[in-house]
């Protein structure tokens, strides 16, 4: 169902839809909202955020859903500043 906003544009949800909802509920602008409606909307937004943030984390943390890539080997080389300047550029490895 599409509603028409005050400026004539069709909109699924917006200022026009909000005003139509207020008219159907016999509410004026600035009246208090039903606490159940406030809590329900807040919990719905919270559940959506939790789903967006935690679902990928839980999916990746469950065993068997990802491929393990263990390290094959590690080589650690310690260089002195003199060796680094002798080697030329800072990106060159000292030997």
N, C-alpha and C. Protein backbone atom coordinates (compact mmCIF):
# COMPACT_ATOMS: atom_id res chain seq x y z
N UNK A 1 0.84 -1.17 0.00
CA UNK A 1 0.00 0.00 0.00
C UNK A 1 0.89 1.24 0.00
N UNK A 2 0.69 2.11 -0.96
CA UNK A 2 1.48 3.34 -1.04
C UNK A 2 0.62 4.52 -0.59
N UNK A 3 1.22 5.38 0.15
CA UNK A 3 0.53 6.58 0.62
C UNK A 3 1.08 7.79 -0.11
N UNK A 4 0.33 8.82 -0.18
CA UNK A 4 0.78 10.05 -0.82
C UNK A 4 1.20 11.04 0.26
N UNK A 5 2.41 11.56 0.11
CA UNK A 5 2.90 12.53 1.08
C UNK A 5 2.28 13.90 0.79
N UNK A 6 2.42 14.86 1.70
CA UNK A 6 1.82 16.18 1.51
C UNK A 6 2.28 16.89 0.24
N UNK A 7 3.52 16.61 -0.22
CA UNK A 7 3.99 17.27 -1.43
C UNK A 7 3.56 16.52 -2.69
N UNK A 8 2.78 15.46 -2.56
CA UNK A 8 2.23 14.76 -3.71
C UNK A 8 3.03 13.55 -4.16
N UNK A 9 4.20 13.32 -3.60
CA UNK A 9 5.02 12.19 -4.03
C UNK A 9 4.54 10.92 -3.34
N UNK A 10 4.51 9.83 -4.09
CA UNK A 10 4.14 8.54 -3.51
C UNK A 10 5.32 8.00 -2.72
N UNK A 11 5.04 7.52 -1.53
CA UNK A 11 6.10 7.01 -0.67
C UNK A 11 5.56 5.82 0.13
N UNK A 12 6.42 4.81 0.32
CA UNK A 12 6.03 3.65 1.12
C UNK A 12 6.11 4.00 2.60
N UNK A 13 7.08 4.82 2.98
CA UNK A 13 7.21 5.23 4.37
C UNK A 13 7.90 6.57 4.39
N UNK A 14 7.46 7.46 5.18
CA UNK A 14 8.04 8.79 5.26
C UNK A 14 7.15 9.69 6.07
N UNK A 15 7.30 10.99 5.95
CA UNK A 15 6.48 11.92 6.74
C UNK A 15 4.98 11.75 6.47
N UNK A 16 4.64 11.48 5.20
CA UNK A 16 3.22 11.30 4.87
C UNK A 16 2.64 10.05 5.53
N UNK A 17 3.43 8.98 5.53
CA UNK A 17 2.97 7.74 6.14
C UNK A 17 2.85 7.89 7.65
N UNK A 18 3.80 8.61 8.25
CA UNK A 18 3.73 8.85 9.69
C UNK A 18 2.46 9.62 10.06
N UNK A 19 2.16 10.64 9.27
CA UNK A 19 0.97 11.46 9.56
C UNK A 19 -0.31 10.65 9.36
N UNK A 20 -0.34 9.80 8.33
CA UNK A 20 -1.51 8.94 8.11
C UNK A 20 -1.70 7.98 9.28
N UNK A 21 -0.61 7.43 9.79
CA UNK A 21 -0.68 6.52 10.94
C UNK A 21 -1.22 7.27 12.16
N UNK A 22 -0.77 8.50 12.37
CA UNK A 22 -1.25 9.29 13.50
C UNK A 22 -2.74 9.58 13.36
N UNK A 23 -3.19 9.85 12.15
CA UNK A 23 -4.61 10.12 11.94
C UNK A 23 -5.45 8.88 12.22
N UNK A 24 -4.97 7.72 11.77
CA UNK A 24 -5.72 6.48 12.01
C UNK A 24 -5.80 6.14 13.50
N UNK A 25 -4.78 6.51 14.27
CA UNK A 25 -4.77 6.21 15.70
C UNK A 25 -5.33 7.37 16.53
N UNK A 26 -5.89 8.38 15.89
CA UNK A 26 -6.43 9.55 16.58
C UNK A 26 -5.41 10.20 17.51
N UNK A 27 -4.18 10.36 17.01
CA UNK A 27 -3.11 10.99 17.78
C UNK A 27 -2.71 12.28 17.12
N UNK A 28 -2.28 13.23 17.93
CA UNK A 28 -1.77 14.50 17.44
C UNK A 28 -0.23 14.45 17.47
N UNK A 29 0.38 15.36 16.75
CA UNK A 29 1.84 15.45 16.77
C UNK A 29 2.28 15.84 18.17
N UNK A 30 3.20 15.10 18.75
CA UNK A 30 3.71 15.39 20.08
C UNK A 30 3.06 14.55 21.17
N UNK A 31 1.99 13.78 20.85
CA UNK A 31 1.39 12.90 21.85
C UNK A 31 2.36 11.78 22.19
N UNK A 32 2.23 11.25 23.41
CA UNK A 32 3.11 10.16 23.80
C UNK A 32 2.76 8.90 23.02
N UNK A 33 3.79 8.12 22.79
CA UNK A 33 3.63 6.88 22.03
C UNK A 33 3.38 5.74 23.02
N UNK A 34 2.71 4.71 22.55
CA UNK A 34 2.44 3.54 23.37
C UNK A 34 3.78 2.92 23.81
N UNK A 35 3.95 2.64 25.12
CA UNK A 35 5.23 2.05 25.57
C UNK A 35 5.53 0.72 24.89
N UNK A 36 4.51 -0.08 24.61
CA UNK A 36 4.75 -1.36 23.94
C UNK A 36 5.30 -1.13 22.53
N UNK A 37 4.81 -0.08 21.89
CA UNK A 37 5.31 0.25 20.55
C UNK A 37 6.75 0.73 20.62
N UNK A 38 7.08 1.54 21.61
CA UNK A 38 8.45 2.04 21.77
C UNK A 38 9.41 0.89 22.06
N UNK A 39 9.05 0.04 23.03
CA UNK A 39 9.91 -1.09 23.38
C UNK A 39 10.03 -2.07 22.23
N UNK A 40 8.92 -2.32 21.55
CA UNK A 40 8.96 -3.26 20.42
C UNK A 40 9.87 -2.79 19.32
N UNK A 41 9.78 -1.51 18.97
CA UNK A 41 10.65 -0.97 17.93
C UNK A 41 12.10 -0.97 18.38
N UNK A 42 12.35 -0.62 19.62
CA UNK A 42 13.72 -0.63 20.14
C UNK A 42 14.32 -2.02 20.15
N UNK A 43 13.53 -3.02 20.57
CA UNK A 43 14.04 -4.39 20.58
C UNK A 43 14.24 -4.92 19.16
N UNK A 44 13.38 -4.51 18.24
CA UNK A 44 13.53 -4.93 16.85
C UNK A 44 14.82 -4.36 16.25
N UNK A 45 15.11 -3.11 16.53
CA UNK A 45 16.35 -2.50 16.05
C UNK A 45 17.56 -3.17 16.68
N UNK A 46 17.49 -3.44 17.99
CA UNK A 46 18.59 -4.11 18.69
C UNK A 46 18.82 -5.51 18.13
N UNK A 47 17.74 -6.26 17.90
CA UNK A 47 17.88 -7.60 17.33
C UNK A 47 18.49 -7.53 15.94
N UNK A 48 18.11 -6.54 15.16
CA UNK A 48 18.69 -6.38 13.82
C UNK A 48 20.18 -6.09 13.88
N UNK A 49 20.59 -5.23 14.80
CA UNK A 49 22.02 -4.93 14.95
C UNK A 49 22.80 -6.15 15.41
N UNK A 50 22.25 -6.88 16.36
CA UNK A 50 22.92 -8.10 16.84
C UNK A 50 23.05 -9.10 15.70
N UNK A 51 22.01 -9.24 14.90
CA UNK A 51 22.06 -10.17 13.78
C UNK A 51 23.11 -9.75 12.76
N UNK A 52 23.18 -8.47 12.46
CA UNK A 52 24.15 -7.99 11.47
C UNK A 52 25.58 -8.13 11.98
N UNK A 53 25.81 -7.87 13.27
CA UNK A 53 27.17 -7.89 13.80
C UNK A 53 27.60 -9.30 14.20
N UNK A 54 26.77 -10.02 14.95
CA UNK A 54 27.19 -11.28 15.54
C UNK A 54 27.02 -12.48 14.62
N UNK A 55 26.09 -12.46 13.68
CA UNK A 55 25.89 -13.64 12.84
C UNK A 55 27.15 -14.01 12.05
N UNK A 56 27.82 -13.07 11.38
CA UNK A 56 29.05 -13.46 10.68
C UNK A 56 30.14 -13.95 11.64
N UNK A 57 30.23 -13.34 12.82
CA UNK A 57 31.25 -13.77 13.78
C UNK A 57 30.99 -15.19 14.25
N UNK A 58 29.75 -15.51 14.56
CA UNK A 58 29.41 -16.86 15.01
C UNK A 58 29.60 -17.86 13.87
N UNK A 59 29.23 -17.47 12.66
CA UNK A 59 29.38 -18.35 11.51
C UNK A 59 30.84 -18.70 11.27
N UNK A 60 31.72 -17.72 11.38
CA UNK A 60 33.14 -17.98 11.15
C UNK A 60 33.81 -18.68 12.34
N UNK A 61 33.22 -18.57 13.52
CA UNK A 61 33.84 -19.19 14.70
C UNK A 61 33.46 -20.66 14.86
N UNK A 62 32.41 -21.11 14.20
CA UNK A 62 32.01 -22.50 14.34
C UNK A 62 33.01 -23.40 13.61
N UNK A 63 33.40 -24.51 14.23
CA UNK A 63 34.39 -25.39 13.60
C UNK A 63 33.82 -26.04 12.34
N UNK A 64 34.69 -26.20 11.37
CA UNK A 64 34.31 -26.87 10.14
C UNK A 64 33.76 -25.95 9.07
N UNK A 65 33.56 -24.68 9.36
CA UNK A 65 33.03 -23.78 8.35
C UNK A 65 34.13 -23.06 7.60
N UNK A 66 35.35 -23.09 8.14
CA UNK A 66 36.46 -22.42 7.47
C UNK A 66 37.58 -23.42 7.23
N UNK A 67 38.44 -23.11 6.28
CA UNK A 67 39.59 -23.95 5.99
C UNK A 67 40.76 -23.47 6.84
N UNK A 68 41.38 -24.42 7.53
CA UNK A 68 42.51 -24.05 8.36
C UNK A 68 43.75 -23.91 7.50
N UNK A 69 44.56 -22.92 7.79
CA UNK A 69 45.78 -22.66 7.05
C UNK A 69 46.92 -22.50 8.06
N UNK A 70 47.48 -23.62 8.55
CA UNK A 70 48.53 -23.51 9.56
C UNK A 70 49.81 -22.96 8.92
N UNK A 71 50.63 -22.24 9.69
CA UNK A 71 51.88 -21.73 9.14
C UNK A 71 52.85 -22.88 8.84
N UNK A 72 53.57 -22.77 7.73
CA UNK A 72 54.50 -23.82 7.32
C UNK A 72 55.84 -23.62 8.01
N UNK A 73 56.31 -22.40 8.06
CA UNK A 73 57.59 -22.13 8.70
C UNK A 73 57.76 -20.64 8.91
N UNK A 74 58.65 -20.30 9.84
CA UNK A 74 58.89 -18.90 10.16
C UNK A 74 60.40 -18.70 10.25
N UNK A 75 60.89 -17.62 9.64
CA UNK A 75 62.31 -17.28 9.74
C UNK A 75 62.40 -15.86 10.28
N UNK A 76 63.07 -15.70 11.41
CA UNK A 76 63.20 -14.39 12.05
C UNK A 76 64.66 -13.96 11.93
N UNK A 77 64.87 -12.78 11.37
CA UNK A 77 66.22 -12.23 11.20
C UNK A 77 66.27 -10.91 11.93
N UNK A 78 67.28 -10.75 12.79
CA UNK A 78 67.48 -9.49 13.51
C UNK A 78 68.58 -8.71 12.82
N UNK A 79 68.33 -7.45 12.55
CA UNK A 79 69.29 -6.59 11.87
C UNK A 79 69.62 -5.40 12.75
N UNK A 80 70.85 -4.98 12.67
CA UNK A 80 71.24 -3.75 13.35
C UNK A 80 70.99 -2.59 12.39
N UNK A 81 70.88 -1.38 12.90
CA UNK A 81 70.68 -0.22 12.01
C UNK A 81 71.80 -0.08 10.97
N UNK A 82 73.04 -0.45 11.34
CA UNK A 82 74.16 -0.34 10.39
C UNK A 82 73.95 -1.31 9.22
N UNK A 83 73.48 -2.50 9.49
CA UNK A 83 73.24 -3.47 8.42
C UNK A 83 72.13 -2.99 7.49
N UNK A 84 71.13 -2.32 8.04
CA UNK A 84 70.03 -1.83 7.20
C UNK A 84 70.49 -0.71 6.27
N UNK A 85 71.35 0.20 6.78
CA UNK A 85 71.80 1.30 5.92
C UNK A 85 72.78 0.78 4.87
N UNK A 86 73.57 -0.26 5.17
CA UNK A 86 74.50 -0.84 4.22
C UNK A 86 73.76 -1.58 3.10
N UNK A 87 72.58 -2.12 3.43
CA UNK A 87 71.86 -2.92 2.46
C UNK A 87 71.23 -2.07 1.36
N UNK A 88 71.18 -0.78 1.52
CA UNK A 88 70.61 0.10 0.49
C UNK A 88 69.28 0.66 0.96
N UNK A 89 68.20 0.16 0.42
CA UNK A 89 66.88 0.68 0.79
C UNK A 89 66.37 -0.01 2.05
N UNK A 90 65.50 0.64 2.81
CA UNK A 90 64.98 0.02 4.04
C UNK A 90 64.17 -1.23 3.77
N UNK A 91 63.70 -1.42 2.55
CA UNK A 91 62.88 -2.61 2.26
C UNK A 91 63.72 -3.85 1.99
N UNK A 92 65.01 -3.67 1.78
CA UNK A 92 65.89 -4.80 1.51
C UNK A 92 66.17 -5.52 2.82
N UNK A 93 66.18 -6.84 2.77
CA UNK A 93 66.45 -7.64 3.97
C UNK A 93 67.95 -7.67 4.22
N UNK A 94 68.34 -7.60 5.48
CA UNK A 94 69.75 -7.74 5.81
C UNK A 94 70.13 -9.21 5.81
N UNK A 95 71.41 -9.49 5.54
CA UNK A 95 71.83 -10.90 5.45
C UNK A 95 72.93 -11.17 6.41
